[in-house]
Amino acid sequence: QTHLVESGGGLVQPGGSLTLSCVVSGVDLRDYTIGWFRQAPGKEREAVSCMDSRGNPVVYADSVKGRATISADNTGNTVYLHLNSLKPEDTGDYYCAQRHYGLPWCTEIASEYTYWGQGTQVTVSS
């Protein structure tokens, strides 16, 4: 049974940076595609970034392009999302999610992901 746990959120000042972690247990990360999503208060969930099972990264959200980096540590079964030059509009709950086995490509469609973590909250404020 797959289990995803996010961590690394918190209160950050504008212009700061943070790294979110998603520990995936129960499966071998190399066989799965993992996406990062976020949901700001009162807004729909949006795809931020994704890493397919081959290790290819994709950044979806135009608002974070150039500021977001996704990476993976297959040994630790962890996917990271690093965000820099944070802005108040980056505030929200950040989730990692896993696609079903056999779907090795990334997608920004949330319903295409089978398993979700509980989320970690990021607040960007001075």
Foldseek 3Di string as FASTA:
>chain_A
DKAKAKDWADEAAQQAKTKIKIAIPDDQLLQWKKWKWWDAVPGDIWTAKIAFSPGDIDGDDPVQVVFWDWGDDRVRNMIMIMGGSDDQVVWTWMKMFIADGPPRDDDTDPVRTDDIHPTDTHGYHD
